[in-house]
Amino acid sequence: MKKIIVFLSLCTLVLSSQVVHADAENVTPQNAIAEVVANSSGQPSVEQENSYSTTLENVTEENESGSAQLNSTSSTVASSSSSIDLQVEEEVRSISEEADSSNNASTSNLSDLSAGTSTSSVSDQSTDTSTSSVSDQSTDISTSNLSESSTDEISTSSFTASSTEASIPNPSTRASTKSVISSVTETSSTTSSTQVGTSLRSMPRTTSLSGNLSISNVNAQSGSFDVHVTNVSAPRSLSKVLVPTWTESNGQDDIIYHTADRQSDGSYKVTVPNSKHKYGTGKYHIHLYYRGTDGSMTYVAQTTTTLPELKTSGNVSVSNVNAQSGSFDVHVTNVSAPRGLSKVLVPTWTESNGQDDIIYHTADRQSDGSYKVTVPNSKHKYGTGKYHIHLYYRGTDGSMTYVAQTTTTLPELKTSGNVSVSNVNAQSGSFDVHVTNVSAPRGLSKVLVPTWTESNGQDDIIYHTADRQSDGSYKVTVPNSKHKYGTGKYHIHLYYRGTDGSMTYVAQTTTTLPELKTSGNVSVSNVNAQSGSFDVHVTNVSAPRGLSKVLVPTWTESNGQDDIIYHTADRQSDGSYKVTVPNSKHKYGTGKYHIHLYYRGTDGSMTYVAQTTTTLPELKTSGNVSVSNVNAQSGSFDVHVTNVSAPRGLSKVLVPTWTESNGQDDIIYHTADRQSDGSYKVTVPKSKHKYGTGKYHIHLYYRGTDGSMTYVAQTTTNLPQSSAKGTISAELVDATKGTFSVSVSNIVGAEPIKDVEVAVWSEKNYQDDLKSYSANRKSDGTYHVEVAKGLHRNDTGTYHIEVYYRYANTRDLIGSTTVDVPSTRSYTVYIDPGHGGRDSGASYGGIHEKNLAMSVSNKLRDNLLARGINVLMTRTGDTDVDFRTERSRMANESNADLFVSIHFNATGIGVQSTVKGIETYWYQYDPEYQPKINQDKHNDPTRLAESEILAVKVQSNLIKETGATDRGVRRETFAVLRETAIPAILVELGFMDNPSELAVIKEEKYHVKLAKALTQGIMDWYGAVGGK
């Protein structure tokens, strides 16, 4: 019996193992299903859903079979339990516990379809069947008091309603689906205890699965409907509510898994547009799935709805057919476009020549939802007559759908216009042509008036362009200066140039321009022998060929026309002309003068008008020369020139002077200065004549305004020798600083010496920097003084030194010497053309500041090179150069003497400006803008002083050369001025947003003027500051 009991117990274990094994055999297909779901991003197709249902039904059948076997075995074991002794009972208990352990291990391999958990996951159908066979009334396995709960644990492990999540039902079998939902909803979640031997296990409660699916807002017009999900309950945490949807036609080729959004009341909603479903209409299938936070996908419910089909439609009509403008309007109303609407297209063409002029016009949406486009015949080869008009919709999917069509007729318009003449003016040699009643069906780009004179055919034909007037007519003034100053009959034709380039003859007429004779009177007044001049007057001027100049060719009787000059007479306020003729222009000739009158026409012609003569009396050259204030002590004397008469004009009174000894080796042409009484005077110091004494020769010459030199008179004087003497020496101390010392030794004075005076000046600009120093007496009896070039305008080169002994009442010139102070200037200029590359600066009318600055900079460079000045540039082409520090860094790393940044101005107000003029900037310190690379030199006094001098010199020359408005010298903290260590300026050469000034500054010839002025300003700066 014991063996039988043991055998039965083993059978029980085997059967239990088979139940678990039957479950385990279905793990693989379920895992495969879960894998497919995972691989399809949680959106299985209908075919996959059908496959899942079949697999799950097999799992259910096998579980039912396993449960039946277990019940049968359990009954057998129970019937023989009464004969088991304690030992066998112990063995059975041991075997049962091993079976229970084995069963738990096996069932733990059954994975959940969606999450892969270790509990057995079988569909709701499987759970219903299995739990019915493993019921509360299940039979004990043995006499060891195995309760019904242990059978539950052995046969089904943990089948609960939550295992439904692994089941994905077939959407096509609605009856089956409903039973699943019912099973999920109605299954109660209880906790049961299972006792095997002394072991007690508990099964957890589970949350029920539910959800209602409904449809609303089915809208054929928008092609959409809303899906609502309510009463949502999910046993697993919920990450998404998915609504797979597809149309009835063509299966699931348009299936989309829509994600419903959670609403404030806990429900979910999604709007389904047919644009996501190939614009399908008719029956739609809608399913509901829950995606758990563990990745599981659980089918919940399904429904259907019908989306009515919307037809493409629209009405096309024509209005505003305008023969004058050659156009008509096309209207599209009652627009319906179920495939979406990206464009409303109106292909249009004329009846003639087929579709050779077809244009697909795009209609614009109006505020009332209609569409409109104006069709001009200029887009259709100016065709008239019948027009074909079709209507197409371009869908948002790119489709093109024909909708409707119509036709219209555009009447033909004839070309016409009237031409007339007015204001025929013989005096001005012109007449006005008027064009009225203008009609131009081919469009109108120009109204042309070809005009010519009767004589010589069309050799003077000009196509004048008439200008449109405020009343719609056109007018042009025809001057005979454009027609070789022809008079008499004029032919006038009228042509229209169409916007397509065509030329159409319209009308013609003629007019007669009377001939006007050239005339004028010439006379002479104010004949002045003293000044050597006379005035020529021209009155009663008549010039039918136009008048650009009134010329008065004039010459003297003697030597023919060797002195002929064509003087230009200036127009007076009364309309007459006048010119003053000086004999200085005619080799200072006197006697009879011939005077002719010519008119230069605006066409360049020269016409003789009249002539006359006059006589200019001869005047003799004269003047008296005398000497006064001969001073041996100072070593000088004064020369006086009186009774001056200079018929050839007088530009200078020259007094060439030299000592008797050694001939003219010390000759100097002294220039006498005019005194208030009309006489001239010059003081002659012996220092200019090698400190010579004794006899001096003094001559008098007049330099005429024509450059002539005329001898006038001469005299002599005697300068006594002084008894004072001393030795003078000078030597350079520091070439960089420009300092030198002067020493006086071996001193002998004519009287007791009160002071040794040293007069110093540079060779440049003769004595304009003259400064007298009082020498310091040393212990050895010598006198010494140190001189710095900074006190002499920083001039370099030769310095002149004179030493004087100052006595109580007089002083003695002891002697002189020179010393050379070398220049530390490099004579190099750094030019900075403003902006460049991507930075165009100001731009107006297609003109860019960077290009204007480059043009002026290049011309300035060439001018400076021609003056022997070296040039460096921040850019030589259209390149980017940082203005903050890079331009200054380049200059600071060079040996340049100065920096000039070239710009053109603009107000920046965004509209046309009337501001104009030129301005020049130098540096102004601003504590808000601290230097980045020029901390040491930005506020250096010498740099600032020389910058100001440069700004003043440049601004002065710019205004003088160009005549532009002077906006003055200004100060700013611009980066290029702040960061540059050498004298620096920034010039603004005119306003680009002032149209009238832009017209000037864009011209090449104006750039030449600007460069010339900048060059002279720089040269003046070098003259002013000298060496460093």
Foldseek 3Di string as FASTA:
>chain_A
DLVVLVVLLVVLLVLLVQLLVLLLVLLVVLQVLLVVCVVVVNDDALVSLAVLVVSLVSSLVSLLVSLVVNLVSQVVQAVPQVPDDPVSLVVSLVSVVVSLVVLLVSQQCRAQSFQGGSHHQGALSSLVSNDVSLDQPRHGNHPLPFHSQQSCCSRHNADDLQSNLSRRHNLVPQVVQVVRLVSQVPDFFDWDWGQRNNDIDIHDGFWGAAKDWDKADQDLQQQKIKIKIPPGDHRAAFDWKWKWKAFPPPGRPLTDTDTWDQDPVRMTMDMDHCLSHVLDFFKMKIWIWTQHPSRTIHTHHIDMDGRDHDDFEWDWDKADQDLQQQKIKIKIPPGGDSLAFDWKWKWKAFPPPPRPLTDTDTWDADPVRMTMDMDHCLSHVLDFFKMKIWIWTQGPVRDIGTYGIDMDGRDHDDFEWDKDKADQDQQQQKIKIKIPPGGDSLAFDWKWKWKAFPPPPRPLTDTDTWDADPVRMTMDMGHCLSHVLDFFKMKIWIWTQGPVRDIGTYGIDMDGRDHDDFEWDKDKADQDQQQQKIKIKIDPGGDSLAFDWKWKWKAAPPPPRPLTDTDTWDADPVRMTMDMGHCLSHVLDFFKMKIWIWTQGPNRDIGTYGIDMDGRDHDDFAWDKDKADQDQQQQKIKIKIDPGGDSSAFDWKWKWKAAPPPPRPLTDTDTWDQDPVRMTMDMDHCQSHQSDFFKMKIWIWGQGPNRDIHTYGIDMDGHDHAPWAWDKDKDFDDLVQAKIKIKTGPGDHPADFPWKKKWKAFPFPPCPLIDIDTFDADPVGMTMDMDTCVSHLVAFFKMKIWIWGDDPDGIHTHHIDIDGRDFPAPLEEEEEQPFFAPGQDDDDPNDTFSVLSLLLRVLLCVVSVVVVGHYHYPDNHRDGADQQARSQVVQQPDRHQEYEYETAAAPPPPAADQDKFKEKEAADDDVVDAEDQANPQQVPPVLRVLLVLLRVLLLVLLCVQQVIDRPYYYYDHGNNRRNHRHRYMYMHGIHCSHVVGVVVSVDSVSSNSSSVSNNRSVVVSCSSNHGD
